[in-house]
C-alpha atoms as a PDB file:
ATOM      1  CA  MET A   1      -0.925  13.708   7.570  1.00  0.00           C
ATOM      2  CA  LEU A   2      -3.136  12.261   4.969  1.00  0.00           C
ATOM      3  CA  ASN A   3      -6.467  13.358   3.840  1.00  0.00           C
ATOM      4  CA  ARG A   4      -8.503  10.408   3.339  1.00  0.00           C
ATOM      5  CA  ARG A   5     -11.532   9.472   1.637  1.00  0.00           C
ATOM      6  CA  GLY A   6     -12.143   5.625   1.137  1.00  0.00           C
ATOM      7  CA  ALA A   7      -9.396   2.901   1.853  1.00  0.00           C
ATOM      8  CA  LEU A   8      -6.223   5.245   1.246  1.00  0.00           C
ATOM      9  CA  LEU A   9      -3.025   4.019   2.878  1.00  0.00           C
ATOM     10  CA  SER A  10      -0.371   6.254   4.349  1.00  0.00           C
ATOM     11  CA  HIS A  11       3.096   4.779   3.438  1.00  0.00           C
ATOM     12  CA  GLY A  12       6.646   6.412   3.468  1.00  0.00           C
ATOM     13  CA  PRO A  13       6.422   9.943   2.436  1.00  0.00           C
ATOM     14  CA  LEU A  14      10.086  10.137   1.393  1.00  0.00           C
ATOM     15  CA  ILE A  15       9.429   7.177  -1.002  1.00  0.00           C
ATOM     16  CA  PHE A  16       6.177   8.899  -2.542  1.00  0.00           C
ATOM     17  CA  CYS A  17       8.089  12.301  -2.943  1.00  0.00           C
ATOM     18  CA  LEU A  18      10.883  10.432  -4.625  1.00  0.00           C
ATOM     19  CA  LEU A  19       8.490   8.769  -7.100  1.00  0.00           C
ATOM     20  CA  ALA A  20       6.416  11.953  -7.509  1.00  0.00           C
ATOM     21  CA  ALA A  21       9.539  13.847  -8.713  1.00  0.00           C
ATOM     22  CA  VAL A  22      10.594  11.152 -11.155  1.00  0.00           C
ATOM     23  CA  SER A  23       6.955  11.211 -12.360  1.00  0.00           C
ATOM     24  CA  ALA A  24       7.073  14.694 -12.808  1.00  0.00           C
ATOM     25  CA  ARG A  25      10.135  14.911 -14.821  1.00  0.00           C
ATOM     26  CA  ALA A  26       8.899  11.912 -17.101  1.00  0.00           C
ATOM     27  CA  ASP A  27       7.293  12.305 -20.477  1.00  0.00           C
ATOM     28  CA  GLU A  28       3.424  12.157 -20.229  1.00  0.00           C
ATOM     29  CA  ASP A  29       3.578   9.206 -22.578  1.00  0.00           C
ATOM     30  CA  GLN A  30       6.015   7.420 -20.347  1.00  0.00           C
ATOM     31  CA  PRO A  31       4.584   4.831 -17.850  1.00  0.00           C
ATOM     32  CA  ARG A  32       4.769   6.019 -14.107  1.00  0.00           C
ATOM     33  CA  PRO A  33       7.662   4.546 -12.539  1.00  0.00           C
ATOM     34  CA  SER A  34       7.356   1.953  -9.487  1.00  0.00           C
ATOM     35  CA  ILE A  35       9.687   0.338  -7.086  1.00  0.00           C
ATOM     36  CA  TRP A  36       9.504  -2.215  -4.430  1.00  0.00           C
ATOM     37  CA  VAL A  37      10.163  -1.401  -0.723  1.00  0.00           C
ATOM     38  CA  ASP A  38      11.188  -3.546   2.293  1.00  0.00           C
ATOM     39  CA  MET A  39       9.289  -1.876   4.923  1.00  0.00           C
ATOM     40  CA  ILE A  40      11.305  -3.609   7.486  1.00  0.00           C
ATOM     41  CA  HIS A  41      14.598  -2.593   6.358  1.00  0.00           C
ATOM     42  CA  GLY A  42      13.490   0.607   4.758  1.00  0.00           C
ATOM     43  CA  GLU A  43      15.058   0.050   1.497  1.00  0.00           C
ATOM     44  CA  PRO A  44      14.237  -0.350  -2.221  1.00  0.00           C
ATOM     45  CA  VAL A  45      14.565  -4.208  -3.280  1.00  0.00           C
ATOM     46  CA  SER A  46      14.025  -6.189  -6.427  1.00  0.00           C
ATOM     47  CA  TYR A  47      11.126  -8.007  -7.222  1.00  0.00           C
ATOM     48  CA  GLU A  48      13.290 -11.030  -7.431  1.00  0.00           C
ATOM     49  CA  THR A  49      14.309 -10.624  -3.766  1.00  0.00           C
ATOM     50  CA  VAL A  50      10.757 -10.221  -2.718  1.00  0.00           C
ATOM     51  CA  LEU A  51       9.696 -13.295  -4.620  1.00  0.00           C
ATOM     52  CA  GLU A  52      12.251 -15.393  -3.096  1.00  0.00           C
ATOM     53  CA  ASP A  53      11.391 -14.454   0.351  1.00  0.00           C
ATOM     54  CA  LEU A  54       7.806 -14.949  -0.153  1.00  0.00           C
ATOM     55  CA  ALA A  55       8.481 -18.281  -1.451  1.00  0.00           C
ATOM     56  CA  SER A  56      10.116 -19.094   2.029  1.00  0.00           C
ATOM     57  CA  VAL A  57       6.965 -18.383   4.231  1.00  0.00           C
ATOM     58  CA  ARG A  58       3.969 -20.271   4.864  1.00  0.00           C
ATOM     59  CA  VAL A  59       1.287 -17.722   4.468  1.00  0.00           C
ATOM     60  CA  VAL A  60       1.612 -14.572   2.027  1.00  0.00           C
ATOM     61  CA  TYR A  61      -1.013 -11.778   2.160  1.00  0.00           C
ATOM     62  CA  LEU A  62      -1.350  -9.736  -0.969  1.00  0.00           C
ATOM     63  CA  GLY A  63      -3.396  -6.607   0.223  1.00  0.00           C
ATOM     64  CA  GLU A  64      -5.208  -4.790  -2.439  1.00  0.00           C
ATOM     65  CA  SER A  65      -7.636  -1.972  -3.583  1.00  0.00           C
ATOM     66  CA  HIS A  66     -10.492  -4.283  -4.775  1.00  0.00           C
ATOM     67  CA  ARG A  67     -10.901  -2.028  -7.890  1.00  0.00           C
ATOM     68  CA  LEU A  68      -7.485  -1.230  -9.005  1.00  0.00           C
ATOM     69  CA  GLU A  69      -6.598  -3.601 -12.068  1.00  0.00           C
ATOM     70  CA  ARG A  70      -3.119  -2.774 -11.536  1.00  0.00           C
ATOM     71  CA  HIS A  71      -3.404  -4.569  -8.225  1.00  0.00           C
ATOM     72  CA  HIS A  72      -4.610  -7.723  -9.652  1.00  0.00           C
ATOM     73  CA  GLY A  73      -1.987  -7.722 -12.520  1.00  0.00           C
ATOM     74  CA  ILE A  74       0.685  -7.599  -9.663  1.00  0.00           C
ATOM     75  CA  GLN A  75      -1.130 -10.376  -7.671  1.00  0.00           C
ATOM     76  CA  ALA A  76      -1.513 -12.392 -10.581  1.00  0.00           C
ATOM     77  CA  ARG A  77       2.194 -11.977 -11.551  1.00  0.00           C
ATOM     78  CA  ILE A  78       3.225 -13.147  -7.890  1.00  0.00           C
ATOM     79  CA  VAL A  79       0.837 -16.491  -8.056  1.00  0.00           C
ATOM     80  CA  GLY A  80       2.350 -17.236 -11.614  1.00  0.00           C
ATOM     81  CA  ASP A  81       6.063 -16.649 -10.783  1.00  0.00           C
ATOM     82  CA  LEU A  82       5.772 -18.730  -7.618  1.00  0.00           C
ATOM     83  CA  GLY A  83       4.225 -21.327  -9.317  1.00  0.00           C
ATOM     84  CA  ARG A  84       6.957 -21.508 -11.850  1.00  0.00           C
ATOM     85  CA  ARG A  85       9.490 -21.776  -9.064  1.00  0.00           C
ATOM     86  CA  ASP A  86       7.480 -25.081  -7.970  1.00  0.00           C
ATOM     87  CA  VAL A  87       6.111 -23.716  -4.910  1.00  0.00           C
ATOM     88  CA  PRO A  88       3.159 -25.832  -3.607  1.00  0.00           C
ATOM     89  CA  MET A  89       0.512 -23.357  -3.214  1.00  0.00           C
ATOM     90  CA  VAL A  90      -3.128 -22.745  -2.168  1.00  0.00           C
ATOM     91  CA  LEU A  91      -4.915 -19.574  -3.221  1.00  0.00           C
ATOM     92  CA  GLY A  92      -7.303 -18.041  -0.720  1.00  0.00           C
ATOM     93  CA  ILE A  93      -9.635 -15.290  -1.860  1.00  0.00           C
ATOM     94  CA  GLU A  94     -11.739 -12.973   0.060  1.00  0.00           C
ATOM     95  CA  GLN A  95     -14.090 -12.198  -3.194  1.00  0.00           C
ATOM     96  CA  LEU A  96     -16.088 -15.698  -2.559  1.00  0.00           C
ATOM     97  CA  GLY A  97     -17.929 -16.940   0.443  1.00  0.00           C
ATOM     98  CA  ALA A  98     -16.765 -20.265   2.125  1.00  0.00           C
ATOM     99  CA  TYR A  99     -20.473 -21.476   1.614  1.00  0.00           C
ATOM    100  CA  GLN A 100     -19.596 -21.349  -2.209  1.00  0.00           C
ATOM    101  CA  GLN A 101     -16.657 -23.802  -1.722  1.00  0.00           C
ATOM    102  CA  PRO A 102     -18.186 -26.651  -3.706  1.00  0.00           C
ATOM    103  CA  HIS A 103     -18.236 -24.482  -6.860  1.00  0.00           C
ATOM    104  CA  LEU A 104     -14.764 -23.745  -6.217  1.00  0.00           C
ATOM    105  CA  ASP A 105     -14.208 -27.648  -5.731  1.00  0.00           C
ATOM    106  CA  LYS A 106     -15.452 -28.153  -9.301  1.00  0.00           C
ATOM    107  CA  TYR A 107     -13.056 -25.636 -10.510  1.00  0.00           C
ATOM    108  CA  ASN A 108     -10.250 -27.031  -8.820  1.00  0.00           C
ATOM    109  CA  ARG A 109     -11.114 -30.506 -10.284  1.00  0.00           C
ATOM    110  CA  GLY A 110     -11.248 -29.118 -13.497  1.00  0.00           C
ATOM    111  CA  GLU A 111     -14.737 -29.847 -14.277  1.00  0.00           C
ATOM    112  CA  ILE A 112     -15.981 -25.968 -14.841  1.00  0.00           C
ATOM    113  CA  ASP A 113     -13.791 -23.159 -16.211  1.00  0.00           C
ATOM    114  CA  PHE A 114     -13.955 -19.583 -14.643  1.00  0.00           C
ATOM    115  CA  ASP A 115     -16.834 -18.406 -16.592  1.00  0.00           C
ATOM    116  CA  GLN A 116     -18.895 -21.205 -15.268  1.00  0.00           C
ATOM    117  CA  LEU A 117     -17.394 -20.678 -11.883  1.00  0.00           C
ATOM    118  CA  ALA A 118     -18.618 -17.049 -12.105  1.00  0.00           C
ATOM    119  CA  GLU A 119     -22.162 -18.020 -13.247  1.00  0.00           C
ATOM    120  CA  ALA A 120     -22.457 -20.684 -10.504  1.00  0.00           C
ATOM    121  CA  THR A 121     -21.467 -18.224  -7.851  1.00  0.00           C
ATOM    122  CA  GLU A 122     -23.453 -15.234  -9.005  1.00  0.00           C
ATOM    123  CA  TRP A 123     -19.996 -13.680  -8.690  1.00  0.00           C
ATOM    124  CA  ALA A 124     -20.917 -10.569 -10.906  1.00  0.00           C
ATOM    125  CA  LYS A 125     -23.609  -9.616  -8.272  1.00  0.00           C
ATOM    126  CA  HIS A 126     -21.552  -9.226  -5.508  1.00  0.00           C
ATOM    127  CA  TRP A 127     -18.169  -7.928  -7.452  1.00  0.00           C
ATOM    128  CA  SER A 128     -18.573  -5.776 -10.301  1.00  0.00           C
ATOM    129  CA  ASN A 129     -15.090  -6.255 -11.436  1.00  0.00           C
ATOM    130  CA  TYR A 130     -14.919  -9.971 -10.814  1.00  0.00           C
ATOM    131  CA  LYS A 131     -13.298 -10.418 -14.114  1.00  0.00           C
ATOM    132  CA  ASP A 132     -10.197  -8.597 -12.633  1.00  0.00           C
ATOM    133  CA  TYR A 133      -9.435 -11.640 -10.651  1.00  0.00           C
ATOM    134  CA  ARG A 134      -9.641 -14.124 -13.543  1.00  0.00           C
ATOM    135  CA  PRO A 135      -5.922 -13.921 -14.093  1.00  0.00           C
ATOM    136  CA  ILE A 136      -5.219 -14.561 -10.523  1.00  0.00           C
ATOM    137  CA  VAL A 137      -7.524 -17.748 -10.113  1.00  0.00           C
ATOM    138  CA  GLU A 138      -6.180 -19.107 -13.720  1.00  0.00           C
ATOM    139  CA  ALA A 139      -2.556 -18.340 -12.641  1.00  0.00           C
ATOM    140  CA  ALA A 140      -3.141 -20.564  -9.421  1.00  0.00           C
ATOM    141  CA  ARG A 141      -4.861 -23.257 -11.667  1.00  0.00           C
ATOM    142  CA  GLU A 142      -1.909 -23.401 -14.047  1.00  0.00           C
ATOM    143  CA  ALA A 143       0.239 -23.569 -10.957  1.00  0.00           C
ATOM    144  CA  GLY A 144      -1.726 -26.852  -9.726  1.00  0.00           C
ATOM    145  CA  ALA A 145      -2.786 -24.619  -6.654  1.00  0.00           C
ATOM    146  CA  PRO A 146      -6.544 -25.211  -5.403  1.00  0.00           C
ATOM    147  CA  VAL A 147      -8.602 -21.925  -4.743  1.00  0.00           C
ATOM    148  CA  LEU A 148     -10.292 -21.651  -1.310  1.00  0.00           C
ATOM    149  CA  ALA A 149     -13.133 -19.311  -0.656  1.00  0.00           C
ATOM    150  CA  LEU A 150     -12.619 -17.473   2.621  1.00  0.00           C
ATOM    151  CA  ASN A 151     -15.360 -14.970   3.455  1.00  0.00           C
ATOM    152  CA  ALA A 152     -18.368 -15.038   5.401  1.00  0.00           C
ATOM    153  CA  ARG A 153     -22.097 -14.671   3.812  1.00  0.00           C
ATOM    154  CA  SER A 154     -22.225 -10.679   3.107  1.00  0.00           C
ATOM    155  CA  SER A 155     -25.859 -10.830   4.583  1.00  0.00           C
ATOM    156  CA  THR A 156     -24.789 -12.339   7.931  1.00  0.00           C
ATOM    157  CA  ILE A 157     -21.883  -9.596   8.193  1.00  0.00           C
ATOM    158  CA  ARG A 158     -24.417  -6.981   7.470  1.00  0.00           C
ATOM    159  CA  GLN A 159     -26.642  -8.163  10.157  1.00  0.00           C
ATOM    160  CA  VAL A 160     -23.678  -7.968  12.655  1.00  0.00           C
ATOM    161  CA  ALA A 161     -23.058  -4.374  11.588  1.00  0.00           C
ATOM    162  CA  ARG A 162     -26.855  -3.195  11.727  1.00  0.00           C
ATOM    163  CA  GLY A 163     -28.265  -5.647  14.357  1.00  0.00           C
ATOM    164  CA  GLY A 164     -25.792  -4.342  17.502  1.00  0.00           C
ATOM    165  CA  GLY A 165     -22.781  -6.880  17.001  1.00  0.00           C
ATOM    166  CA  ILE A 166     -22.034 -10.596  16.976  1.00  0.00           C
ATOM    167  CA  ALA A 167     -23.729 -11.355  20.401  1.00  0.00           C
ATOM    168  CA  LYS A 168     -26.933 -10.390  19.104  1.00  0.00           C
ATOM    169  CA  LEU A 169     -26.975 -12.279  15.927  1.00  0.00           C
ATOM    170  CA  ASP A 170     -29.824 -14.949  15.308  1.00  0.00           C
ATOM    171  CA  PRO A 171     -28.622 -18.015  16.724  1.00  0.00           C
ATOM    172  CA  GLN A 172     -28.598 -19.775  13.391  1.00  0.00           C
ATOM    173  CA  LEU A 173     -26.623 -17.006  11.615  1.00  0.00           C
ATOM    174  CA  ARG A 174     -24.302 -17.223  14.391  1.00  0.00           C
ATOM    175  CA  LYS A 175     -23.717 -20.718  13.499  1.00  0.00           C
ATOM    176  CA  GLU A 176     -22.410 -19.301  10.192  1.00  0.00           C
ATOM    177  CA  LEU A 177     -19.190 -17.946  11.720  1.00  0.00           C
ATOM    178  CA  PRO A 178     -16.330 -19.564  13.885  1.00  0.00           C
ATOM    179  CA  ASP A 179     -16.829 -20.552  17.374  1.00  0.00           C
ATOM    180  CA  ASP A 180     -13.903 -18.804  18.812  1.00  0.00           C
ATOM    181  CA  ILE A 181     -14.214 -15.214  17.915  1.00  0.00           C
ATOM    182  CA  GLN A 182     -12.262 -12.575  19.940  1.00  0.00           C
ATOM    183  CA  THR A 183     -13.964  -9.290  19.416  1.00  0.00           C
ATOM    184  CA  GLU A 184     -11.670  -7.451  21.740  1.00  0.00           C
ATOM    185  CA  ASP A 185      -8.528  -6.279  19.912  1.00  0.00           C
ATOM    186  CA  PRO A 186      -7.740  -2.633  20.997  1.00  0.00           C
ATOM    187  CA  PRO A 187      -4.965  -2.077  18.387  1.00  0.00           C
ATOM    188  CA  TYR A 188      -7.319  -3.063  15.664  1.00  0.00           C
ATOM    189  CA  GLU A 189     -10.191  -1.268  16.936  1.00  0.00           C
ATOM    190  CA  LYS A 190      -8.148   1.848  17.402  1.00  0.00           C
ATOM    191  CA  LEU A 191      -7.248   1.705  13.531  1.00  0.00           C
ATOM    192  CA  LEU A 192     -10.878   0.997  12.406  1.00  0.00           C
ATOM    193  CA  ASN A 193     -12.134   3.597  14.584  1.00  0.00           C
ATOM    194  CA  ILE A 194      -9.900   6.057  12.513  1.00  0.00           C
ATOM    195  CA  TYR A 195     -10.671   4.533   9.065  1.00  0.00           C
ATOM    196  CA  MET A 196     -14.522   3.710   9.396  1.00  0.00           C
ATOM    197  CA  MET A 197     -15.306   7.374   9.994  1.00  0.00           C
ATOM    198  CA  VAL A 198     -14.963   8.022   6.258  1.00  0.00           C
ATOM    199  CA  HIS A 199     -18.604   6.649   5.925  1.00  0.00           C
ATOM    200  CA  ALA A 200     -20.524   9.684   6.270  1.00  0.00           C
ATOM    201  CA  SER A 201     -23.461   7.551   7.883  1.00  0.00           C
ATOM    202  CA  VAL A 202     -20.906   6.293  10.764  1.00  0.00           C
ATOM    203  CA  THR A 203     -21.316   7.876  14.197  1.00  0.00           C
ATOM    204  CA  ARG A 204     -19.044   7.250  17.255  1.00  0.00           C
ATOM    205  CA  GLU A 205     -22.042   5.472  18.673  1.00  0.00           C
ATOM    206  CA  ARG A 206     -22.405   3.043  15.742  1.00  0.00           C
ATOM    207  CA  LEU A 207     -18.955   2.220  15.349  1.00  0.00           C
ATOM    208  CA  ARG A 208     -18.720  -0.756  17.788  1.00  0.00           C
ATOM    209  CA  PRO A 209     -21.207  -3.293  15.799  1.00  0.00           C
ATOM    210  CA  ILE A 210     -19.301  -1.975  12.436  1.00  0.00           C
ATOM    211  CA  VAL A 211     -16.020  -3.051  14.022  1.00  0.00           C
ATOM    212  CA  GLU A 212     -17.277  -6.319  15.032  1.00  0.00           C
ATOM    213  CA  ALA A 213     -18.664  -7.056  11.648  1.00  0.00           C
ATOM    214  CA  GLN A 214     -14.891  -6.318  10.214  1.00  0.00           C
ATOM    215  CA  ILE A 215     -13.736  -8.830  12.964  1.00  0.00           C
ATOM    216  CA  GLY A 216     -16.293 -11.491  12.073  1.00  0.00           C
ATOM    217  CA  ARG A 217     -14.840 -11.235   8.545  1.00  0.00           C
ATOM    218  CA  ASP A 218     -11.403 -11.609   9.593  1.00  0.00           C
ATOM    219  CA  GLU A 219     -12.029 -14.425  12.039  1.00  0.00           C
ATOM    220  CA  GLN A 220     -14.295 -16.326   9.095  1.00  0.00           C
ATOM    221  CA  MET A 221     -11.224 -15.818   6.839  1.00  0.00           C
ATOM    222  CA  ALA A 222      -8.493 -16.948   9.420  1.00  0.00           C
ATOM    223  CA  SER A 223     -10.800 -19.909  10.418  1.00  0.00           C
ATOM    224  CA  VAL A 224     -11.199 -21.579   6.858  1.00  0.00           C
ATOM    225  CA  LEU A 225      -7.335 -20.718   6.041  1.00  0.00           C
ATOM    226  CA  SER A 226      -5.967 -22.163   8.948  1.00  0.00           C
ATOM    227  CA  SER A 227      -8.276 -25.058   8.968  1.00  0.00           C
ATOM    228  CA  PHE A 228      -7.069 -25.997   5.374  1.00  0.00           C
ATOM    229  CA  LEU A 229      -3.291 -25.503   6.196  1.00  0.00           C
ATOM    230  CA  LYS A 230      -3.725 -27.872   9.152  1.00  0.00           C
ATOM    231  CA  SER A 231      -5.514 -30.495   7.219  1.00  0.00           C
ATOM    232  CA  PRO A 232      -3.728 -32.931   4.975  1.00  0.00           C
ATOM    233  CA  ALA A 233      -4.876 -31.362   1.825  1.00  0.00           C
ATOM    234  CA  GLY A 234      -3.045 -28.349   3.075  1.00  0.00           C
ATOM    235  CA  LYS A 235       0.161 -29.930   4.287  1.00  0.00           C
ATOM    236  CA  GLY A 236       3.421 -28.328   2.688  1.00  0.00           C
ATOM    237  CA  ARG A 237       1.464 -25.662   0.903  1.00  0.00           C
ATOM    238  CA  THR A 238       2.158 -21.777   1.002  1.00  0.00           C
ATOM    239  CA  ALA A 239      -1.314 -19.958   0.979  1.00  0.00           C
ATOM    240  CA  VAL A 240      -1.355 -16.793  -0.908  1.00  0.00           C
ATOM    241  CA  VAL A 241      -4.197 -14.645   0.259  1.00  0.00           C
ATOM    242  CA  ILE A 242      -5.920 -12.030  -1.890  1.00  0.00           C
ATOM    243  CA  CYS A 243      -7.950  -9.585   0.284  1.00  0.00           C
ATOM    244  CA  GLY A 244      -8.477  -6.036   0.882  1.00  0.00           C
ATOM    245  CA  SER A 245      -5.481  -3.817   2.497  1.00  0.00           C
ATOM    246  CA  GLY A 246      -7.596  -3.210   5.600  1.00  0.00           C
ATOM    247  CA  HIS A 247      -7.863  -6.786   6.515  1.00  0.00           C
ATOM    248  CA  ALA A 248      -4.018  -7.328   6.562  1.00  0.00           C
ATOM    249  CA  GLU A 249      -2.009  -3.999   7.340  1.00  0.00           C
ATOM    250  CA  PHE A 250      -0.134  -3.587  10.432  1.00  0.00           C
ATOM    251  CA  GLY A 251      -0.481  -7.357  10.759  1.00  0.00           C
ATOM    252  CA  LEU A 252      -3.820  -6.983  12.471  1.00  0.00           C
ATOM    253  CA  GLY A 253      -7.203  -8.051  11.237  1.00  0.00           C
ATOM    254  CA  THR A 254      -6.963 -11.588   9.284  1.00  0.00           C
ATOM    255  CA  PRO A 255      -3.166 -12.247  10.080  1.00  0.00           C
ATOM    256  CA  ALA A 256      -3.520 -11.641  13.693  1.00  0.00           C
ATOM    257  CA  ARG A 257      -6.328 -14.381  13.793  1.00  0.00           C
ATOM    258  CA  VAL A 258      -4.512 -16.687  11.730  1.00  0.00           C
ATOM    259  CA  ARG A 259      -1.435 -16.553  14.224  1.00  0.00           C
ATOM    260  CA  ARG A 260      -3.796 -17.155  17.118  1.00  0.00           C
ATOM    261  CA  ARG A 261      -4.793 -20.298  15.487  1.00  0.00           C
ATOM    262  CA  MET A 262      -1.043 -21.078  13.956  1.00  0.00           C
ATOM    263  CA  PRO A 263       1.150 -19.558  16.672  1.00  0.00           C
ATOM    264  CA  ASN A 264       4.308 -20.453  14.757  1.00  0.00           C
ATOM    265  CA  VAL A 265       3.322 -19.646  11.210  1.00  0.00           C
ATOM    266  CA  LYS A 266       5.721 -17.658   9.251  1.00  0.00           C
ATOM    267  CA  GLU A 267       4.022 -14.818   7.276  1.00  0.00           C
ATOM    268  CA  ARG A 268       4.657 -12.064   5.043  1.00  0.00           C
ATOM    269  CA  ILE A 269       2.320  -9.203   4.078  1.00  0.00           C
ATOM    270  CA  VAL A 270       2.446  -7.326   0.799  1.00  0.00           C
ATOM    271  CA  LEU A 271       0.707  -3.933   0.344  1.00  0.00           C
ATOM    272  CA  LEU A 272       0.297  -2.068  -2.955  1.00  0.00           C
ATOM    273  CA  SER A 273       0.146   1.598  -3.170  1.00  0.00           C
ATOM    274  CA  GLN A 274      -3.042   3.413  -4.300  1.00  0.00           C
ATOM    275  CA  SER A 275      -0.954   6.355  -5.797  1.00  0.00           C
ATOM    276  CA  GLY A 276      -4.090   8.526  -6.364  1.00  0.00           C
ATOM    277  CA  ASP A 277      -5.579   5.973  -8.739  1.00  0.00           C
ATOM    278  CA  VAL A 278      -8.471   5.300  -6.893  1.00  0.00           C
ATOM    279  CA  GLU A 279     -11.515   6.969  -8.279  1.00  0.00           C
ATOM    280  CA  LEU A 280     -14.851   6.995  -6.323  1.00  0.00           C
ATOM    281  CA  THR A 281     -18.302   7.100  -7.933  1.00  0.00           C
ATOM    282  CA  PRO A 282     -20.727   9.911  -7.395  1.00  0.00           C
ATOM    283  CA  GLU A 283     -22.782   7.848  -5.186  1.00  0.00           C
ATOM    284  CA  GLU A 284     -19.715   6.683  -3.076  1.00  0.00           C
ATOM    285  CA  VAL A 285     -18.563  10.454  -2.888  1.00  0.00           C
ATOM    286  CA  ALA A 286     -22.187  11.212  -1.594  1.00  0.00           C
ATOM    287  CA  MET A 287     -21.979   8.306   0.955  1.00  0.00           C
ATOM    288  CA  SER A 288     -18.335   9.252   2.482  1.00  0.00           C
ATOM    289  CA  ARG A 289     -16.731  12.180   4.194  1.00  0.00           C
ATOM    290  CA  GLU A 290     -13.037  13.234   4.046  1.00  0.00           C
ATOM    291  CA  ILE A 291     -11.214  12.370   7.061  1.00  0.00           C
ATOM    292  CA  GLU A 292      -7.561  13.139   8.233  1.00  0.00           C
ATOM    293  CA  VAL A 293      -5.231  10.412   9.244  1.00  0.00           C
ATOM    294  CA  THR A 294      -2.066  11.629  11.109  1.00  0.00           C
ATOM    295  CA  HIS A 295       1.333  10.036  11.227  1.00  0.00           C
ATOM    296  CA  GLU A 296       0.972  10.129  15.162  1.00  0.00           C
ATOM    297  CA  GLN A 297      -2.096   8.045  14.894  1.00  0.00           C
ATOM    298  CA  LEU A 298      -0.483   5.384  12.902  1.00  0.00           C
ATOM    299  CA  ARG A 299       2.639   5.550  14.658  1.00  0.00           C
ATOM    300  CA  ALA A 300       0.909   4.646  18.212  1.00  0.00           C
ATOM    301  CA  LEU A 301       0.391   1.131  16.811  1.00  0.00           C
ATOM    302  CA  ASN A 302       4.096   0.707  16.793  1.00  0.00           C
ATOM    303  CA  ARG A 303       4.444  -1.733  14.145  1.00  0.00           C
ATOM    304  CA  PRO A 304       5.299  -1.667  10.712  1.00  0.00           C
ATOM    305  CA  VAL A 305       2.573  -1.396   8.145  1.00  0.00           C
ATOM    306  CA  ALA A 306       3.764  -4.418   5.861  1.00  0.00           C
ATOM    307  CA  ASP A 307       6.792  -6.384   5.169  1.00  0.00           C
ATOM    308  CA  TYR A 308       6.761  -5.338   1.391  1.00  0.00           C
ATOM    309  CA  LEU A 309       5.200  -2.419  -0.249  1.00  0.00           C
ATOM    310  CA  HIS A 310       4.948  -1.906  -4.131  1.00  0.00           C
ATOM    311  CA  VAL A 311       4.674   1.855  -4.771  1.00  0.00           C
ATOM    312  CA  ARG A 312       3.622   3.536  -7.970  1.00  0.00           C
ATOM    313  CA  GLY A 313       4.768   6.991  -8.757  1.00  0.00           C
ATOM    314  CA  LEU A 314       2.023   9.912  -8.085  1.00  0.00           C
ATOM    315  CA  ARG A 315      -0.178  11.283 -10.689  1.00  0.00           C
ATOM    316  CA  ARG A 316       1.102  14.237 -12.327  1.00  0.00           C
ATOM    317  CA  GLU A 317      -0.358  17.272 -10.845  1.00  0.00           C
ATOM    318  CA  SER A 318      -2.253  18.129 -14.125  1.00  0.00           C
ATOM    319  CA  GLU A 319      -4.084  14.790 -13.433  1.00  0.00           C
ATOM    320  CA  GLY A 320      -5.453  15.970 -10.243  1.00  0.00           C
ATOM    321  CA  GLU A 321      -2.649  15.406  -7.756  1.00  0.00           C
ATOM    322  CA  SER A 322      -1.873  18.404  -5.546  1.00  0.00           C
ATOM    323  CA  LYS A 323       1.581  19.567  -5.314  1.00  0.00           C
ATOM    324  CA  GLU A 324       3.460  18.773  -2.121  1.00  0.00           C
ATOM    325  CA  THR A 325       6.886  19.879  -0.803  1.00  0.00           C
ATOM    326  CA  CYS A 326       9.114  16.991  -0.201  1.00  0.00           C
ATOM    327  CA  PRO A 327      12.160  17.247   2.259  1.00  0.00           C
END
């Protein structure tokens, strides 16, 4: 069982216990240990093994916790190392809206640098830690990979959540989202119904439009990505997608919608553990509630959470992590 506040993930208790034990014995001045885990085979693997596999598929989802700088460092390393393997790529990012692609096209052509891109898109207004994405975007440029803005306009998604769902959108706003949106997705809705209750203002009655807002983002990102991959510009390229873990875990969300548009696509989902590192602001704490996510709830989805998981050792008890008993 996981006591959840925010976007925490529940992964492999034996793995976490192993790393927690190692962390507890390590000197406080030493970095916390980390390992890569193949979630399909249930075994630790080397980074080179992960990288070799990622280089062999069409779409790689790198699920993140948006404010963890450690996650962005791992993402930048993967993009850079795939580039050094001469893997032709396109970098798709959740962090900018598709309507901002003209600015990214200027960046892709080398006409502006990252700072000018951030200014033109007003990135700081929407993502306070936008600078954390600089190493990722610049690694893509060094690899000769274009950058693709995937997301929907935030104001449109808010209207879905607050206005009663996609069907009740103003017709002009509805045109901003893909025509072929499928809002019925029982496994995904089951997962979101669990996770969305972390928001203190959410009630069971208000959940459905909030779920549709999430689906709207997923459909938009899948539509933009699949359209590019099927175009002449995307031919032969591997897409590396930077997105929140909630858009990719269990193969639901965006991956499921890309598969609907590209039935034979080969994909890999990579998630990065939070390991107690996410710290909510006082404002975020005030707007959230603690919820419990059980193994039984997640096992009911009957699918692995990801292909690969990067796990960092838990924080020491003195740093605020409660002591747990391991098998």
